[in-house]
Amino acid sequence: MAVFAVHYTYDKDQAAQRDLYRAAHRGYLRELLAEGSLLAAGPYVDDENPGALLIFQAASADVVVAQLTIDPFVANGLVSNADVREWVQTMGPWA
């Protein structure tokens, strides 16, 4: 299994919209965490450039993209860009 870093970019003008879907978004991510495909996730601390980092373990980038399409933030148009990149960790807990 490969590891993928996903960078979500949010539109800062949609903060109120994200608040409406945040519980569903986090619930979905908790499901992915429980099944083992999501290793970690969390928002960046930057209100001027909002976004998040998600770390996945999957057979391919296509699998990750398919999982992202179900995320309530993505499904409701609240992610302006999702950059999925394979990442090779050389040190740390997933190496």
PDB file of N, CA and C in Angstrom:
ATOM      1  N   MET A   1       0.838  -1.181   0.000  1.00  0.00           N
ATOM      2  CA  MET A   1       0.000   0.000   0.000  1.00  0.00           C
ATOM      3  C   MET A   1       0.880   1.241   0.000  1.00  0.00           C
ATOM      4  N   ALA A   2       0.476   2.202  -0.764  1.00  0.00           N
ATOM      5  CA  ALA A   2       1.185   3.478  -0.834  1.00  0.00           C
ATOM      6  C   ALA A   2       0.531   4.469   0.124  1.00  0.00           C
ATOM      7  N   VAL A   3       1.268   5.507   0.437  1.00  0.00           N
ATOM      8  CA  VAL A   3       0.757   6.584   1.289  1.00  0.00           C
ATOM      9  C   VAL A   3       0.604   7.829   0.423  1.00  0.00           C
ATOM     10  N   PHE A   4      -0.503   8.548   0.640  1.00  0.00           N
ATOM     11  CA  PHE A   4      -0.806   9.737  -0.143  1.00  0.00           C
ATOM     12  C   PHE A   4      -1.095  10.908   0.787  1.00  0.00           C
ATOM     13  N   ALA A   5      -0.502  12.047   0.466  1.00  0.00           N
ATOM     14  CA  ALA A   5      -0.810  13.292   1.164  1.00  0.00           C
ATOM     15  C   ALA A   5      -1.835  14.029   0.319  1.00  0.00           C
ATOM     16  N   VAL A   6      -2.906  14.457   0.959  1.00  0.00           N
ATOM     17  CA  VAL A   6      -3.961  15.200   0.272  1.00  0.00           C
ATOM     18  C   VAL A   6      -4.034  16.585   0.893  1.00  0.00           C
ATOM     19  N   HIS A   7      -3.886  17.585   0.055  1.00  0.00           N
ATOM     20  CA  HIS A   7      -4.000  18.970   0.501  1.00  0.00           C
ATOM     21  C   HIS A   7      -5.336  19.507   0.015  1.00  0.00           C
ATOM     22  N   TYR A   8      -6.226  19.803   0.965  1.00  0.00           N
ATOM     23  CA  TYR A   8      -7.495  20.461   0.637  1.00  0.00           C
ATOM     24  C   TYR A   8      -7.291  21.965   0.684  1.00  0.00           C
ATOM     25  N   THR A   9      -7.820  22.666  -0.296  1.00  0.00           N
ATOM     26  CA  THR A   9      -7.874  24.119  -0.271  1.00  0.00           C
ATOM     27  C   THR A   9      -9.333  24.515  -0.183  1.00  0.00           C
ATOM     28  N   TYR A  10      -9.632  25.388   0.777  1.00  0.00           N
ATOM     29  CA  TYR A  10     -10.992  25.884   0.967  1.00  0.00           C
ATOM     30  C   TYR A  10     -11.072  27.343   0.545  1.00  0.00           C
ATOM     31  N   ASP A  11     -12.254  27.752   0.106  1.00  0.00           N
ATOM     32  CA  ASP A  11     -12.536  29.159  -0.170  1.00  0.00           C
ATOM     33  C   ASP A  11     -12.848  29.815   1.176  1.00  0.00           C
ATOM     34  N   LYS A  12     -12.089  30.839   1.549  1.00  0.00           N
ATOM     35  CA  LYS A  12     -12.293  31.451   2.867  1.00  0.00           C
ATOM     36  C   LYS A  12     -13.674  32.078   3.014  1.00  0.00           C
ATOM     37  N   ASP A  13     -14.351  32.362   1.914  1.00  0.00           N
ATOM     38  CA  ASP A  13     -15.693  32.941   1.971  1.00  0.00           C
ATOM     39  C   ASP A  13     -16.777  31.904   2.238  1.00  0.00           C
ATOM     40  N   GLN A  14     -16.408  30.637   2.315  1.00  0.00           N
ATOM     41  CA  GLN A  14     -17.391  29.580   2.547  1.00  0.00           C
ATOM     42  C   GLN A  14     -17.295  28.974   3.946  1.00  0.00           C
ATOM     43  N   ALA A  15     -16.728  29.703   4.891  1.00  0.00           N
ATOM     44  CA  ALA A  15     -16.559  29.177   6.249  1.00  0.00           C
ATOM     45  C   ALA A  15     -17.899  28.794   6.873  1.00  0.00           C
ATOM     46  N   ALA A  16     -18.907  29.614   6.690  1.00  0.00           N
ATOM     47  CA  ALA A  16     -20.225  29.309   7.268  1.00  0.00           C
ATOM     48  C   ALA A  16     -20.817  28.048   6.646  1.00  0.00           C
ATOM     49  N   GLN A  17     -20.604  27.861   5.354  1.00  0.00           N
ATOM     50  CA  GLN A  17     -21.086  26.650   4.681  1.00  0.00           C
ATOM     51  C   GLN A  17     -20.376  25.410   5.230  1.00  0.00           C
ATOM     52  N   ARG A  18     -19.058  25.522   5.435  1.00  0.00           N
ATOM     53  CA  ARG A  18     -18.319  24.386   5.979  1.00  0.00           C
ATOM     54  C   ARG A  18     -18.815  24.035   7.376  1.00  0.00           C
ATOM     55  N   ASP A  19     -19.170  25.050   8.154  1.00  0.00           N
ATOM     56  CA  ASP A  19     -19.702  24.793   9.500  1.00  0.00           C
ATOM     57  C   ASP A  19     -20.951  23.918   9.439  1.00  0.00           C
ATOM     58  N   LEU A  20     -21.764  24.095   8.410  1.00  0.00           N
ATOM     59  CA  LEU A  20     -22.992  23.304   8.265  1.00  0.00           C
ATOM     60  C   LEU A  20     -22.703  21.820   8.029  1.00  0.00           C
ATOM     61  N   TYR A  21     -21.601  21.523   7.373  1.00  0.00           N
ATOM     62  CA  TYR A  21     -21.263  20.148   6.999  1.00  0.00           C
ATOM     63  C   TYR A  21     -20.110  19.553   7.809  1.00  0.00           C
ATOM     64  N   ARG A  22     -19.568  20.329   8.756  1.00  0.00           N
ATOM     65  CA  ARG A  22     -18.376  19.879   9.489  1.00  0.00           C
ATOM     66  C   ARG A  22     -18.601  18.548  10.229  1.00  0.00           C
ATOM     67  N   ALA A  23     -19.730  18.399  10.903  1.00  0.00           N
ATOM     68  CA  ALA A  23     -19.976  17.149  11.647  1.00  0.00           C
ATOM     69  C   ALA A  23     -20.035  15.952  10.698  1.00  0.00           C
ATOM     70  N   ALA A  24     -20.704  16.104   9.565  1.00  0.00           N
ATOM     71  CA  ALA A  24     -20.791  15.015   8.589  1.00  0.00           C
ATOM     72  C   ALA A  24     -19.411  14.722   7.986  1.00  0.00           C
ATOM     73  N   HIS A  25     -18.654  15.769   7.693  1.00  0.00           N
ATOM     74  CA  HIS A  25     -17.294  15.635   7.152  1.00  0.00           C
ATOM     75  C   HIS A  25     -16.415  14.857   8.126  1.00  0.00           C
ATOM     76  N   ARG A  26     -16.424  15.263   9.384  1.00  0.00           N
ATOM     77  CA  ARG A  26     -15.583  14.591  10.381  1.00  0.00           C
ATOM     78  C   ARG A  26     -16.077  13.173  10.650  1.00  0.00           C
ATOM     79  N   GLY A  27     -17.379  12.966  10.613  1.00  0.00           N
ATOM     80  CA  GLY A  27     -17.914  11.613  10.773  1.00  0.00           C
ATOM     81  C   GLY A  27     -17.430  10.698   9.668  1.00  0.00           C
ATOM     82  N   TYR A  28     -17.449  11.194   8.438  1.00  0.00           N
ATOM     83  CA  TYR A  28     -16.965  10.400   7.310  1.00  0.00           C
ATOM     84  C   TYR A  28     -15.473  10.102   7.474  1.00  0.00           C
ATOM     85  N   LEU A  29     -14.695  11.096   7.870  1.00  0.00           N
ATOM     86  CA  LEU A  29     -13.263  10.871   8.057  1.00  0.00           C
ATOM     87  C   LEU A  29     -13.013   9.868   9.183  1.00  0.00           C
ATOM     88  N   ARG A  30     -13.824   9.908  10.237  1.00  0.00           N
ATOM     89  CA  ARG A  30     -13.681   8.917  11.319  1.00  0.00           C
ATOM     90  C   ARG A  30     -13.932   7.495  10.804  1.00  0.00           C
ATOM     91  N   GLU A  31     -14.878   7.345   9.883  1.00  0.00           N
ATOM     92  CA  GLU A  31     -15.130   6.032   9.277  1.00  0.00           C
ATOM     93  C   GLU A  31     -13.894   5.543   8.515  1.00  0.00           C
ATOM     94  N   LEU A  32     -13.286   6.444   7.744  1.00  0.00           N
ATOM     95  CA  LEU A  32     -12.085   6.079   6.983  1.00  0.00           C
ATOM     96  C   LEU A  32     -10.927   5.753   7.923  1.00  0.00           C
ATOM     97  N   LEU A  33     -10.838   6.477   9.027  1.00  0.00           N
ATOM     98  CA  LEU A  33      -9.806   6.213  10.028  1.00  0.00           C
ATOM     99  C   LEU A  33     -10.012   4.829  10.646  1.00  0.00           C
ATOM    100  N   ALA A  34     -11.246   4.508  10.993  1.00  0.00           N
ATOM    101  CA  ALA A  34     -11.561   3.220  11.612  1.00  0.00           C
ATOM    102  C   ALA A  34     -11.270   2.050  10.673  1.00  0.00           C
ATOM    103  N   GLU A  35     -11.482   2.244   9.378  1.00  0.00           N
ATOM    104  CA  GLU A  35     -11.218   1.150   8.434  1.00  0.00           C
ATOM    105  C   GLU A  35      -9.755   1.086   8.017  1.00  0.00           C
ATOM    106  N   GLY A  36      -8.961   2.090   8.405  1.00  0.00           N
ATOM    107  CA  GLY A  36      -7.525   2.054   8.153  1.00  0.00           C
ATOM    108  C   GLY A  36      -7.031   2.756   6.915  1.00  0.00           C
ATOM    109  N   SER A  37      -7.921   3.326   6.116  1.00  0.00           N
ATOM    110  CA  SER A  37      -7.438   4.008   4.909  1.00  0.00           C
ATOM    111  C   SER A  37      -6.966   5.429   5.196  1.00  0.00           C
ATOM    112  N   LEU A  38      -7.526   6.072   6.204  1.00  0.00           N
ATOM    113  CA  LEU A  38      -7.079   7.405   6.614  1.00  0.00           C
ATOM    114  C   LEU A  38      -6.146   7.241   7.799  1.00  0.00           C
ATOM    115  N   LEU A  39      -4.956   7.817   7.705  1.00  0.00           N
ATOM    116  CA  LEU A  39      -3.975   7.717   8.785  1.00  0.00           C
ATOM    117  C   LEU A  39      -4.015   8.933   9.698  1.00  0.00           C
ATOM    118  N   ALA A  40      -4.303  10.102   9.145  1.00  0.00           N
ATOM    119  CA  ALA A  40      -4.346  11.340   9.928  1.00  0.00           C
ATOM    120  C   ALA A  40      -5.039  12.419   9.105  1.00  0.00           C
ATOM    121  N   ALA A  41      -5.622  13.392   9.798  1.00  0.00           N
ATOM    122  CA  ALA A  41      -6.270  14.517   9.109  1.00  0.00           C
ATOM    123  C   ALA A  41      -6.401  15.684  10.072  1.00  0.00           C
ATOM    124  N   GLY A  42      -6.378  16.874   9.515  1.00  0.00           N
ATOM    125  CA  GLY A  42      -6.601  18.054  10.334  1.00  0.00           C
ATOM    126  C   GLY A  42      -6.454  19.323   9.517  1.00  0.00           C
ATOM    127  N   PRO A  43      -7.078  20.400  10.010  1.00  0.00           N
ATOM    128  CA  PRO A  43      -7.037  21.671   9.288  1.00  0.00           C
ATOM    129  C   PRO A  43      -5.727  22.420   9.527  1.00  0.00           C
ATOM    130  N   TYR A  44      -5.391  23.249   8.561  1.00  0.00           N
ATOM    131  CA  TYR A  44      -4.273  24.169   8.736  1.00  0.00           C
ATOM    132  C   TYR A  44      -4.748  25.325   9.606  1.00  0.00           C
ATOM    133  N   VAL A  45      -3.843  25.903  10.348  1.00  0.00           N
ATOM    134  CA  VAL A  45      -4.176  27.033  11.209  1.00  0.00           C
ATOM    135  C   VAL A  45      -3.795  28.314  10.459  1.00  0.00           C
ATOM    136  N   ASP A  46      -4.648  28.689   9.526  1.00  0.00           N
ATOM    137  CA  ASP A  46      -4.396  29.866   8.699  1.00  0.00           C
ATOM    138  C   ASP A  46      -5.723  30.320   8.113  1.00  0.00           C
ATOM    139  N   ASP A  47      -6.363  31.275   8.748  1.00  0.00           N
ATOM    140  CA  ASP A  47      -7.675  31.739   8.305  1.00  0.00           C
ATOM    141  C   ASP A  47      -7.644  32.435   6.945  1.00  0.00           C
ATOM    142  N   GLU A  48      -6.499  32.952   6.562  1.00  0.00           N
ATOM    143  CA  GLU A  48      -6.396  33.634   5.272  1.00  0.00           C
ATOM    144  C   GLU A  48      -6.240  32.650   4.111  1.00  0.00           C
ATOM    145  N   ASN A  49      -5.716  31.462   4.392  1.00  0.00           N
ATOM    146  CA  ASN A  49      -5.528  30.418   3.382  1.00  0.00           C
ATOM    147  C   ASN A  49      -6.030  29.098   3.954  1.00  0.00           C
ATOM    148  N   PRO A  50      -7.345  28.974   4.142  1.00  0.00           N
ATOM    149  CA  PRO A  50      -7.869  27.786   4.813  1.00  0.00           C
ATOM    150  C   PRO A  50      -7.708  26.514   3.983  1.00  0.00           C
ATOM    151  N   GLY A  51      -7.499  25.437   4.696  1.00  0.00           N
ATOM    152  CA  GLY A  51      -7.349  24.147   4.056  1.00  0.00           C
ATOM    153  C   GLY A  51      -7.081  23.087   5.092  1.00  0.00           C
ATOM    154  N   ALA A  52      -6.730  21.908   4.628  1.00  0.00           N
ATOM    155  CA  ALA A  52      -6.459  20.797   5.529  1.00  0.00           C
ATOM    156  C   ALA A  52      -5.482  19.835   4.875  1.00  0.00           C
ATOM    157  N   LEU A  53      -4.879  19.009   5.721  1.00  0.00           N
ATOM    158  CA  LEU A  53      -3.987  17.952   5.266  1.00  0.00           C
ATOM    159  C   LEU A  53      -4.587  16.629   5.704  1.00  0.00           C
ATOM    160  N   LEU A  54      -4.684  15.697   4.765  1.00  0.00           N
ATOM    161  CA  LEU A  54      -5.175  14.350   5.043  1.00  0.00           C
ATOM    162  C   LEU A  54      -4.117  13.375   4.543  1.00  0.00           C
ATOM    163  N   ILE A  55      -3.828  12.355   5.337  1.00  0.00           N
ATOM    164  CA  ILE A  55      -2.847  11.347   4.955  1.00  0.00           C
ATOM    165  C   ILE A  55      -3.584  10.012   4.810  1.00  0.00           C
ATOM    166  N   PHE A  56      -3.507   9.438   3.619  1.00  0.00           N
ATOM    167  CA  PHE A  56      -4.195   8.187   3.301  1.00  0.00           C
ATOM    168  C   PHE A  56      -3.209   7.070   3.008  1.00  0.00           C
ATOM    169  N   GLN A  57      -3.673   5.860   3.230  1.00  0.00           N
ATOM    170  CA  GLN A  57      -2.978   4.655   2.792  1.00  0.00           C
ATOM    171  C   GLN A  57      -3.920   3.960   1.822  1.00  0.00           C
ATOM    172  N   ALA A  58      -3.456   3.719   0.599  1.00  0.00           N
ATOM    173  CA  ALA A  58      -4.338   3.141  -0.418  1.00  0.00           C
ATOM    174  C   ALA A  58      -3.517   2.457  -1.500  1.00  0.00           C
ATOM    175  N   ALA A  59      -4.197   1.668  -2.303  1.00  0.00           N
ATOM    176  CA  ALA A  59      -3.545   0.962  -3.403  1.00  0.00           C
ATOM    177  C   ALA A  59      -3.136   1.917  -4.522  1.00  0.00           C
ATOM    178  N   SER A  60      -3.877   3.028  -4.680  1.00  0.00           N
ATOM    179  CA  SER A  60      -3.563   3.981  -5.757  1.00  0.00           C
ATOM    180  C   SER A  60      -4.190   5.336  -5.452  1.00  0.00           C
ATOM    181  N   ALA A  61      -3.741   6.334  -6.194  1.00  0.00           N
ATOM    182  CA  ALA A  61      -4.322   7.670  -6.067  1.00  0.00           C
ATOM    183  C   ALA A  61      -5.787   7.654  -6.481  1.00  0.00           C
ATOM    184  N   ASP A  62      -6.141   6.819  -7.448  1.00  0.00           N
ATOM    185  CA  ASP A  62      -7.538   6.732  -7.883  1.00  0.00           C
ATOM    186  C   ASP A  62      -8.452   6.286  -6.746  1.00  0.00           C
ATOM    187  N   VAL A  63      -7.976   5.387  -5.907  1.00  0.00           N
ATOM    188  CA  VAL A  63      -8.759   4.938  -4.758  1.00  0.00           C
ATOM    189  C   VAL A  63      -8.983   6.101  -3.797  1.00  0.00           C
ATOM    190  N   VAL A  64      -7.950   6.886  -3.561  1.00  0.00           N
ATOM    191  CA  VAL A  64      -8.066   8.048  -2.673  1.00  0.00           C
ATOM    192  C   VAL A  64      -9.054   9.048  -3.252  1.00  0.00           C
ATOM    193  N   VAL A  65      -8.939   9.342  -4.527  1.00  0.00           N
ATOM    194  CA  VAL A  65      -9.847  10.292  -5.174  1.00  0.00           C
ATOM    195  C   VAL A  65     -11.296   9.812  -5.052  1.00  0.00           C
ATOM    196  N   ALA A  66     -11.524   8.534  -5.225  1.00  0.00           N
ATOM    197  CA  ALA A  66     -12.874   7.982  -5.090  1.00  0.00           C
ATOM    198  C   ALA A  66     -13.400   8.177  -3.669  1.00  0.00           C
ATOM    199  N   GLN A  67     -12.541   7.986  -2.677  1.00  0.00           N
ATOM    200  CA  GLN A  67     -12.952   8.197  -1.292  1.00  0.00           C
ATOM    201  C   GLN A  67     -13.246   9.668  -1.026  1.00  0.00           C
ATOM    202  N   LEU A  68     -12.481  10.545  -1.637  1.00  0.00           N
ATOM    203  CA  LEU A  68     -12.679  11.975  -1.422  1.00  0.00           C
ATOM    204  C   LEU A  68     -14.009  12.457  -1.986  1.00  0.00           C
ATOM    205  N   THR A  69     -14.455  11.884  -3.081  1.00  0.00           N
ATOM    206  CA  THR A  69     -15.704  12.352  -3.694  1.00  0.00           C
ATOM    207  C   THR A  69     -16.904  12.162  -2.776  1.00  0.00           C
ATOM    208  N   ILE A  70     -16.796  11.225  -1.826  1.00  0.00           N
ATOM    209  CA  ILE A  70     -17.893  10.964  -0.893  1.00  0.00           C
ATOM    210  C   ILE A  70     -17.840  11.900   0.316  1.00  0.00           C
ATOM    211  N   ASP A  71     -16.697  12.509   0.574  1.00  0.00           N
ATOM    212  CA  ASP A  71     -16.551  13.443   1.693  1.00  0.00           C
ATOM    213  C   ASP A  71     -17.607  14.548   1.553  1.00  0.00           C
ATOM    214  N   PRO A  72     -18.420  14.796   2.586  1.00  0.00           N
ATOM    215  CA  PRO A  72     -19.445  15.839   2.492  1.00  0.00           C
ATOM    216  C   PRO A  72     -18.908  17.217   2.099  1.00  0.00           C
ATOM    217  N   PHE A  73     -17.691  17.551   2.485  1.00  0.00           N
ATOM    218  CA  PHE A  73     -17.120  18.828   2.052  1.00  0.00           C
ATOM    219  C   PHE A  73     -16.949  18.851   0.536  1.00  0.00           C
ATOM    220  N   VAL A  74     -16.435  17.764  -0.037  1.00  0.00           N
ATOM    221  CA  VAL A  74     -16.227  17.688  -1.481  1.00  0.00           C
ATOM    222  C   VAL A  74     -17.569  17.587  -2.197  1.00  0.00           C
ATOM    223  N   ALA A  75     -18.433  16.710  -1.723  1.00  0.00           N
ATOM    224  CA  ALA A  75     -19.735  16.483  -2.366  1.00  0.00           C
ATOM    225  C   ALA A  75     -20.589  17.748  -2.408  1.00  0.00           C
ATOM    226  N   ASN A  76     -20.371  18.655  -1.463  1.00  0.00           N
ATOM    227  CA  ASN A  76     -21.146  19.894  -1.413  1.00  0.00           C
ATOM    228  C   ASN A  76     -20.378  21.104  -1.938  1.00  0.00           C
ATOM    229  N   GLY A  77     -19.299  20.857  -2.666  1.00  0.00           N
ATOM    230  CA  GLY A  77     -18.564  21.925  -3.340  1.00  0.00           C
ATOM    231  C   GLY A  77     -17.784  22.845  -2.425  1.00  0.00           C
ATOM    232  N   LEU A  78     -17.363  22.358  -1.249  1.00  0.00           N
ATOM    233  CA  LEU A  78     -16.678  23.211  -0.284  1.00  0.00           C
ATOM    234  C   LEU A  78     -15.160  23.063  -0.312  1.00  0.00           C
ATOM    235  N   VAL A  79     -14.662  22.200  -1.185  1.00  0.00           N
ATOM    236  CA  VAL A  79     -13.219  22.051  -1.382  1.00  0.00           C
ATOM    237  C   VAL A  79     -12.918  22.592  -2.775  1.00  0.00           C
ATOM    238  N   SER A  80     -12.181  23.696  -2.833  1.00  0.00           N
ATOM    239  CA  SER A  80     -11.908  24.294  -4.144  1.00  0.00           C
ATOM    240  C   SER A  80     -10.816  23.540  -4.890  1.00  0.00           C
ATOM    241  N   ASN A  81      -9.950  22.818  -4.158  1.00  0.00           N
ATOM    242  CA  ASN A  81      -8.926  21.998  -4.794  1.00  0.00           C
ATOM    243  C   ASN A  81      -8.518  20.893  -3.829  1.00  0.00           C
ATOM    244  N   ALA A  82      -8.340  19.704  -4.359  1.00  0.00           N
ATOM    245  CA  ALA A  82      -7.829  18.575  -3.586  1.00  0.00           C
ATOM    246  C   ALA A  82      -6.624  18.015  -4.341  1.00  0.00           C
ATOM    247  N   ASP A  83      -5.451  18.316  -3.849  1.00  0.00           N
ATOM    248  CA  ASP A  83      -4.204  17.875  -4.474  1.00  0.00           C
ATOM    249  C   ASP A  83      -3.788  16.560  -3.823  1.00  0.00           C
ATOM    250  N   VAL A  84      -3.795  15.475  -4.596  1.00  0.00           N
ATOM    251  CA  VAL A  84      -3.455  14.139  -4.104  1.00  0.00           C
ATOM    252  C   VAL A  84      -2.075  13.782  -4.639  1.00  0.00           C
ATOM    253  N   ARG A  85      -1.146  13.545  -3.703  1.00  0.00           N
ATOM    254  CA  ARG A  85       0.218  13.219  -4.124  1.00  0.00           C
ATOM    255  C   ARG A  85       0.739  12.028  -3.332  1.00  0.00           C
ATOM    256  N   GLU A  86       1.347  11.072  -4.039  1.00  0.00           N
ATOM    257  CA  GLU A  86       1.967   9.958  -3.339  1.00  0.00           C
ATOM    258  C   GLU A  86       3.145  10.487  -2.534  1.00  0.00           C
ATOM    259  N   TRP A  87       3.287   9.961  -1.337  1.00  0.00           N
ATOM    260  CA  TRP A  87       4.297  10.455  -0.413  1.00  0.00           C
ATOM    261  C   TRP A  87       5.054   9.272   0.151  1.00  0.00           C
ATOM    262  N   VAL A  88       6.364   9.356   0.148  1.00  0.00           N
ATOM    263  CA  VAL A  88       7.191   8.303   0.704  1.00  0.00           C
ATOM    264  C   VAL A  88       7.784   8.812   2.009  1.00  0.00           C
ATOM    265  N   GLN A  89       7.313   8.248   3.091  1.00  0.00           N
ATOM    266  CA  GLN A  89       7.842   8.632   4.396  1.00  0.00           C
ATOM    267  C   GLN A  89       9.073   7.800   4.668  1.00  0.00           C
ATOM    268  N   THR A  90      10.165   8.474   5.008  1.00  0.00           N
ATOM    269  CA  THR A  90      11.401   7.758   5.301  1.00  0.00           C
ATOM    270  C   THR A  90      11.649   7.606   6.802  1.00  0.00           C
ATOM    271  N   MET A  91      10.918   8.376   7.603  1.00  0.00           N
ATOM    272  CA  MET A  91      11.038   8.286   9.055  1.00  0.00           C
ATOM    273  C   MET A  91       9.669   8.510   9.677  1.00  0.00           C
ATOM    274  N   GLY A  92       9.473   7.959  10.844  1.00  0.00           N
ATOM    275  CA  GLY A  92       8.238   8.190  11.575  1.00  0.00           C
ATOM    276  C   GLY A  92       7.353   6.957  11.660  1.00  0.00           C
ATOM    277  N   PRO A  93       6.160   7.142  12.197  1.00  0.00           N
ATOM    278  CA  PRO A  93       5.306   5.999  12.531  1.00  0.00           C
ATOM    279  C   PRO A  93       4.784   5.180  11.365  1.00  0.00           C
ATOM    280  N   TRP A  94       4.748   5.736  10.161  1.00  0.00           N
ATOM    281  CA  TRP A  94       4.207   4.981   9.035  1.00  0.00           C
ATOM    282  C   TRP A  94       5.301   4.495   8.095  1.00  0.00           C
ATOM    283  N   ALA A  95       6.554   4.703   8.461  1.00  0.00           N
ATOM    284  CA  ALA A  95       7.673   4.332   7.585  1.00  0.00           C
ATOM    285  C   ALA A  95       7.868   2.821   7.585  1.00  0.00           C
TER     286      ALA A  95
END
